[in-house]
């Protein structure tokens, strides 16, 4: 009966370890998918912001050209300088937006690395737990003592080696 119980417990431990690993893998996959969706949403928003900035720059450029035409200074250095400054500002904003895209990509990559490392750690934790259960069931390394019982002597097999040892002073 004890052998059947031990086999049943061992099978339960193995199944539990496998399910723990699978659950950890599923959680890591879900976290990675969540990060990917979040990054995609961020990129969509950044693309919309870039298009909006370009639209606004075109409208401002047209307004500057129309104003210069109406005042008779079309082609002057002030009109050209205004358009140039507007282009510089827009280009700087777009460069910042592209840098944000690269940062988002890097964070997404790091998030995947973190998930993989956590999954690997959970796998080895489950394996270690399984090994610990196996060691406990066999009485530890070397099987020196029956399961659940602590050794009663020292490494030389002496029982209570310090009890009547004159080298140690008792304070009682």
C-alpha atoms as a PDB file:
ATOM      1  CA  UNK A   1       0.000   0.000   0.000  1.00  0.00           C
ATOM      2  CA  UNK A   2       2.874   2.379   0.829  1.00  0.00           C
ATOM      3  CA  UNK A   3       4.438   1.825  -2.598  1.00  0.00           C
ATOM      4  CA  UNK A   4       1.163   2.728  -4.312  1.00  0.00           C
ATOM      5  CA  UNK A   5       0.835   5.859  -2.194  1.00  0.00           C
ATOM      6  CA  UNK A   6       4.450   6.840  -2.925  1.00  0.00           C
ATOM      7  CA  UNK A   7       3.944   6.266  -6.657  1.00  0.00           C
ATOM      8  CA  UNK A   8       0.733   8.279  -6.595  1.00  0.00           C
ATOM      9  CA  UNK A   9       2.430  11.152  -4.741  1.00  0.00           C
ATOM     10  CA  UNK A  10       5.377  11.071  -7.149  1.00  0.00           C
ATOM     11  CA  UNK A  11       3.015  11.182 -10.141  1.00  0.00           C
ATOM     12  CA  UNK A  12       1.159  14.101  -8.555  1.00  0.00           C
ATOM     13  CA  UNK A  13       4.415  15.992  -7.995  1.00  0.00           C
ATOM     14  CA  UNK A  14       5.519  15.413 -11.595  1.00  0.00           C
ATOM     15  CA  UNK A  15       2.103  16.479 -12.942  1.00  0.00           C
ATOM     16  CA  UNK A  16       2.076  19.524 -10.668  1.00  0.00           C
ATOM     17  CA  UNK A  17       5.548  20.529 -11.828  1.00  0.00           C
ATOM     18  CA  UNK A  18       4.542  20.148 -15.477  1.00  0.00           C
ATOM     19  CA  UNK A  19       1.391  22.197 -14.973  1.00  0.00           C
ATOM     20  CA  UNK A  20       3.314  24.863 -13.042  1.00  0.00           C
ATOM     21  CA  UNK A  21       5.760  25.136 -15.939  1.00  0.00           C
ATOM     22  CA  UNK A  22       2.933  25.301 -18.493  1.00  0.00           C
ATOM     23  CA  UNK A  23       1.113  27.983 -16.493  1.00  0.00           C
ATOM     24  CA  UNK A  24       4.315  30.003 -16.227  1.00  0.00           C
ATOM     25  CA  UNK A  25       4.876  29.688 -19.968  1.00  0.00           C
ATOM     26  CA  UNK A  26       1.288  30.741 -20.699  1.00  0.00           C
ATOM     27  CA  UNK A  27       1.647  33.753 -18.394  1.00  0.00           C
ATOM     28  CA  UNK A  28       4.929  34.771 -20.047  1.00  0.00           C
ATOM     29  CA  UNK A  29       3.363  34.430 -23.507  1.00  0.00           C
ATOM     30  CA  UNK A  30       0.363  36.525 -22.457  1.00  0.00           C
ATOM     31  CA  UNK A  31       2.610  39.222 -20.975  1.00  0.00           C
ATOM     32  CA  UNK A  32       4.664  39.307 -24.162  1.00  0.00           C
ATOM     33  CA  UNK A  33       1.524  39.596 -26.299  1.00  0.00           C
ATOM     34  CA  UNK A  34       0.257  42.401 -24.064  1.00  0.00           C
ATOM     35  CA  UNK A  35       3.540  44.272 -24.509  1.00  0.00           C
ATOM     36  CA  UNK A  36       3.389  43.759 -28.289  1.00  0.00           C
ATOM     37  CA  UNK A  37      -0.178  45.094 -28.519  1.00  0.00           C
ATOM     38  CA  UNK A  38       0.725  48.064 -26.327  1.00  0.00           C
ATOM     39  CA  UNK A  39       3.762  48.824 -28.476  1.00  0.00           C
ATOM     40  CA  UNK A  40       1.678  48.604 -31.655  1.00  0.00           C
ATOM     41  CA  UNK A  41      -0.863  51.011 -30.187  1.00  0.00           C
ATOM     42  CA  UNK A  42       1.935  53.387 -29.270  1.00  0.00           C
ATOM     43  CA  UNK A  43       3.328  53.236 -32.819  1.00  0.00           C
ATOM     44  CA  UNK A  44      -0.109  53.917 -34.289  1.00  0.00           C
ATOM     45  CA  UNK A  45      -0.468  56.962 -32.047  1.00  0.00           C
ATOM     46  CA  UNK A  46       3.009  58.216 -32.970  1.00  0.00           C
ATOM     47  CA  UNK A  47       2.242  57.782 -36.689  1.00  0.00           C
ATOM     48  CA  UNK A  48      -0.956  59.792 -36.254  1.00  0.00           C
ATOM     49  CA  UNK A  49       0.972  62.531 -34.442  1.00  0.00           C
ATOM     50  CA  UNK A  50       3.569  62.672 -37.235  1.00  0.00           C
ATOM     51  CA  UNK A  51       0.882  62.970 -39.926  1.00  0.00           C
ATOM     52  CA  UNK A  52      -0.837  65.710 -37.897  1.00  0.00           C
ATOM     53  CA  UNK A  53       2.431  67.660 -37.570  1.00  0.00           C
ATOM     54  CA  UNK A  54       3.074  67.393 -41.304  1.00  0.00           C
ATOM     55  CA  UNK A  55      -0.490  68.583 -42.047  1.00  0.00           C
ATOM     56  CA  UNK A  56      -0.108  71.527 -39.687  1.00  0.00           C
ATOM     57  CA  UNK A  57       3.242  72.440 -41.238  1.00  0.00           C
ATOM     58  CA  UNK A  58       1.709  72.458 -44.731  1.00  0.00           C
ATOM     59  CA  UNK A  59      -1.135  74.683 -43.545  1.00  0.00           C
ATOM     60  CA  UNK A  60       1.307  77.099 -41.856  1.00  0.00           C
ATOM     61  CA  UNK A  61       3.567  77.130 -44.927  1.00  0.00           C
ATOM     62  CA  UNK A  62       0.565  77.958 -47.134  1.00  0.00           C
ATOM     63  CA  UNK A  63      -0.496  80.684 -44.688  1.00  0.00           C
ATOM     64  CA  UNK A  64       3.023  82.191 -44.765  1.00  0.00           C
ATOM     65  CA  UNK A  65       3.118  82.067 -48.580  1.00  0.00           C
ATOM     66  CA  UNK A  66      -0.343  83.649 -48.825  1.00  0.00           C
ATOM     67  CA  UNK A  67       0.550  86.358 -46.309  1.00  0.00           C
ATOM     68  CA  UNK A  68       3.788  87.121 -48.164  1.00  0.00           C
ATOM     69  CA  UNK A  69       1.883  87.282 -51.464  1.00  0.00           C
ATOM     70  CA  UNK A  70      -0.748  89.609 -49.988  1.00  0.00           C
ATOM     71  CA  UNK A  71       1.827  91.980 -48.521  1.00  0.00           C
ATOM     72  CA  UNK A  72       4.003  91.972 -51.623  1.00  0.00           C
ATOM     73  CA  UNK A  73       7.041  90.346 -50.015  1.00  0.00           C
ATOM     74  CA  UNK A  74       6.739  86.951 -51.738  1.00  0.00           C
ATOM     75  CA  UNK A  75      10.177  85.448 -52.296  1.00  0.00           C
ATOM     76  CA  UNK A  76      11.771  87.754 -49.720  1.00  0.00           C
ATOM     77  CA  UNK A  77      14.256  86.568 -47.129  1.00  0.00           C
ATOM     78  CA  UNK A  78      11.710  86.952 -44.320  1.00  0.00           C
ATOM     79  CA  UNK A  79       9.202  84.675 -46.059  1.00  0.00           C
ATOM     80  CA  UNK A  80      11.923  82.153 -46.887  1.00  0.00           C
ATOM     81  CA  UNK A  81      13.266  82.313 -43.329  1.00  0.00           C
ATOM     82  CA  UNK A  82       9.806  81.694 -41.872  1.00  0.00           C
ATOM     83  CA  UNK A  83       9.286  78.662 -44.086  1.00  0.00           C
ATOM     84  CA  UNK A  84      12.785  77.411 -43.252  1.00  0.00           C
ATOM     85  CA  UNK A  85      12.223  77.772 -39.499  1.00  0.00           C
ATOM     86  CA  UNK A  86       8.901  75.997 -39.791  1.00  0.00           C
ATOM     87  CA  UNK A  87      10.565  73.113 -41.656  1.00  0.00           C
ATOM     88  CA  UNK A  88      13.331  72.881 -39.046  1.00  0.00           C
ATOM     89  CA  UNK A  89      10.857  72.713 -36.170  1.00  0.00           C
ATOM     90  CA  UNK A  90       8.775  70.052 -37.924  1.00  0.00           C
ATOM     91  CA  UNK A  91      11.865  67.999 -38.785  1.00  0.00           C
ATOM     92  CA  UNK A  92      12.990  68.119 -35.147  1.00  0.00           C
ATOM     93  CA  UNK A  93       9.580  66.968 -33.960  1.00  0.00           C
ATOM     94  CA  UNK A  94       9.554  64.113 -36.471  1.00  0.00           C
ATOM     95  CA  UNK A  95      13.071  63.035 -35.444  1.00  0.00           C
ATOM     96  CA  UNK A  96      11.934  62.888 -31.817  1.00  0.00           C
ATOM     97  CA  UNK A  97       8.950  60.812 -32.860  1.00  0.00           C
ATOM     98  CA  UNK A  98      11.154  58.343 -34.761  1.00  0.00           C
ATOM     99  CA  UNK A  99      13.443  58.097 -31.717  1.00  0.00           C
ATOM    100  CA  UNK A 100      10.394  57.274 -29.608  1.00  0.00           C
ATOM    101  CA  UNK A 101       9.582  54.479 -32.096  1.00  0.00           C
ATOM    102  CA  UNK A 102      13.085  53.028 -31.718  1.00  0.00           C
ATOM    103  CA  UNK A 103      12.794  53.240 -27.933  1.00  0.00           C
ATOM    104  CA  UNK A 104       9.462  51.420 -28.051  1.00  0.00           C
ATOM    105  CA  UNK A 105      11.028  48.685 -30.204  1.00  0.00           C
ATOM    106  CA  UNK A 106      13.934  48.325 -27.773  1.00  0.00           C
ATOM    107  CA  UNK A 107      11.582  48.111 -24.792  1.00  0.00           C
ATOM    108  CA  UNK A 108       9.489  45.487 -26.569  1.00  0.00           C
ATOM    109  CA  UNK A 109      12.611  43.431 -27.264  1.00  0.00           C
ATOM    110  CA  UNK A 110      13.754  43.721 -23.647  1.00  0.00           C
ATOM    111  CA  UNK A 111      10.297  42.732 -22.448  1.00  0.00           C
ATOM    112  CA  UNK A 112      10.532  39.553 -24.530  1.00  0.00           C
ATOM    113  CA  UNK A 113      13.962  38.831 -23.056  1.00  0.00           C
ATOM    114  CA  UNK A 114      12.610  39.335 -19.546  1.00  0.00           C
ATOM    115  CA  UNK A 115       9.691  36.985 -20.207  1.00  0.00           C
ATOM    116  CA  UNK A 116      12.026  34.325 -21.586  1.00  0.00           C
ATOM    117  CA  UNK A 117      14.360  34.628 -18.591  1.00  0.00           C
ATOM    118  CA  UNK A 118      11.469  34.436 -16.126  1.00  0.00           C
ATOM    119  CA  UNK A 119      10.102  31.397 -17.925  1.00  0.00           C
ATOM    120  CA  UNK A 120      13.525  29.734 -17.797  1.00  0.00           C
ATOM    121  CA  UNK A 121      13.781  30.522 -14.088  1.00  0.00           C
ATOM    122  CA  UNK A 122      10.350  29.046 -13.427  1.00  0.00           C
ATOM    123  CA  UNK A 123      11.303  25.917 -15.331  1.00  0.00           C
ATOM    124  CA  UNK A 124      14.434  25.407 -13.238  1.00  0.00           C
ATOM    125  CA  UNK A 125      12.540  26.223 -10.057  1.00  0.00           C
ATOM    126  CA  UNK A 126      10.031  23.503 -10.915  1.00  0.00           C
ATOM    127  CA  UNK A 127      12.829  21.046 -11.689  1.00  0.00           C
ATOM    128  CA  UNK A 128      14.571  21.913  -8.421  1.00  0.00           C
ATOM    129  CA  UNK A 129      11.331  21.465  -6.523  1.00  0.00           C
ATOM    130  CA  UNK A 130      10.840  18.069  -8.134  1.00  0.00           C
ATOM    131  CA  UNK A 131      14.411  17.091  -7.283  1.00  0.00           C
ATOM    132  CA  UNK A 132      13.907  18.220  -3.683  1.00  0.00           C
ATOM    133  CA  UNK A 133      10.809  16.072  -3.378  1.00  0.00           C
ATOM    134  CA  UNK A 134      12.766  13.148  -4.788  1.00  0.00           C
ATOM    135  CA  UNK A 135      15.604  13.712  -2.318  1.00  0.00           C
ATOM    136  CA  UNK A 136      13.189  13.906   0.596  1.00  0.00           C
ATOM    137  CA  UNK A 137      11.489  10.702  -0.504  1.00  0.00           C
ATOM    138  CA  UNK A 138      14.806   8.833  -0.654  1.00  0.00           C
ATOM    139  CA  UNK A 139      16.155  10.159   2.615  1.00  0.00           C
ATOM    140  CA  UNK A 140      18.431  12.870   1.222  1.00  0.00           C
ATOM    141  CA  UNK A 141      21.776  12.700  -0.526  1.00  0.00           C
ATOM    142  CA  UNK A 142      23.270   9.250  -0.063  1.00  0.00           C
ATOM    143  CA  UNK A 143      20.125   7.955   1.603  1.00  0.00           C
ATOM    144  CA  UNK A 144      21.867   8.193   4.977  1.00  0.00           C
ATOM    145  CA  UNK A 145      18.722   8.439   7.049  1.00  0.00           C
ATOM    146  CA  UNK A 146      15.177   7.268   6.547  1.00  0.00           C
ATOM    147  CA  UNK A 147      12.764   9.791   5.092  1.00  0.00           C
ATOM    148  CA  UNK A 148      11.608  12.294   7.658  1.00  0.00           C
ATOM    149  CA  UNK A 149      14.231  11.440  10.311  1.00  0.00           C
ATOM    150  CA  UNK A 150      17.243  13.583  11.096  1.00  0.00           C
ATOM    151  CA  UNK A 151      20.607  11.912  11.701  1.00  0.00           C
ATOM    152  CA  UNK A 152      21.378  11.443  15.419  1.00  0.00           C
ATOM    153  CA  UNK A 153      25.181  11.314  15.348  1.00  0.00           C
ATOM    154  CA  UNK A 154      28.044  13.265  13.848  1.00  0.00           C
ATOM    155  CA  UNK A 155      29.923  12.271  10.680  1.00  0.00           C
ATOM    156  CA  UNK A 156      31.986   9.699  12.568  1.00  0.00           C
ATOM    157  CA  UNK A 157      28.836   8.073  13.952  1.00  0.00           C
ATOM    158  CA  UNK A 158      29.382   9.306  17.510  1.00  0.00           C
ATOM    159  CA  UNK A 159      26.258   9.952  19.560  1.00  0.00           C
ATOM    160  CA  UNK A 160      26.389  13.284  21.442  1.00  0.00           C
ATOM    161  CA  UNK A 161      30.149  13.769  20.860  1.00  0.00           C
ATOM    162  CA  UNK A 162      30.379  16.926  23.011  1.00  0.00           C
ATOM    163  CA  UNK A 163      28.430  15.704  26.029  1.00  0.00           C
ATOM    164  CA  UNK A 164      31.246  14.172  28.103  1.00  0.00           C
ATOM    165  CA  UNK A 165      34.169  15.789  26.317  1.00  0.00           C
ATOM    166  CA  UNK A 166      36.675  17.309  28.828  1.00  0.00           C
ATOM    167  CA  UNK A 167      37.855  19.764  26.140  1.00  0.00           C
ATOM    168  CA  UNK A 168      34.638  21.741  26.513  1.00  0.00           C
ATOM    169  CA  UNK A 169      33.788  23.584  29.720  1.00  0.00           C
ATOM    170  CA  UNK A 170      30.230  23.388  30.954  1.00  0.00           C
ATOM    171  CA  UNK A 171      28.657  26.436  32.571  1.00  0.00           C
ATOM    172  CA  UNK A 172      26.150  24.763  34.849  1.00  0.00           C
END
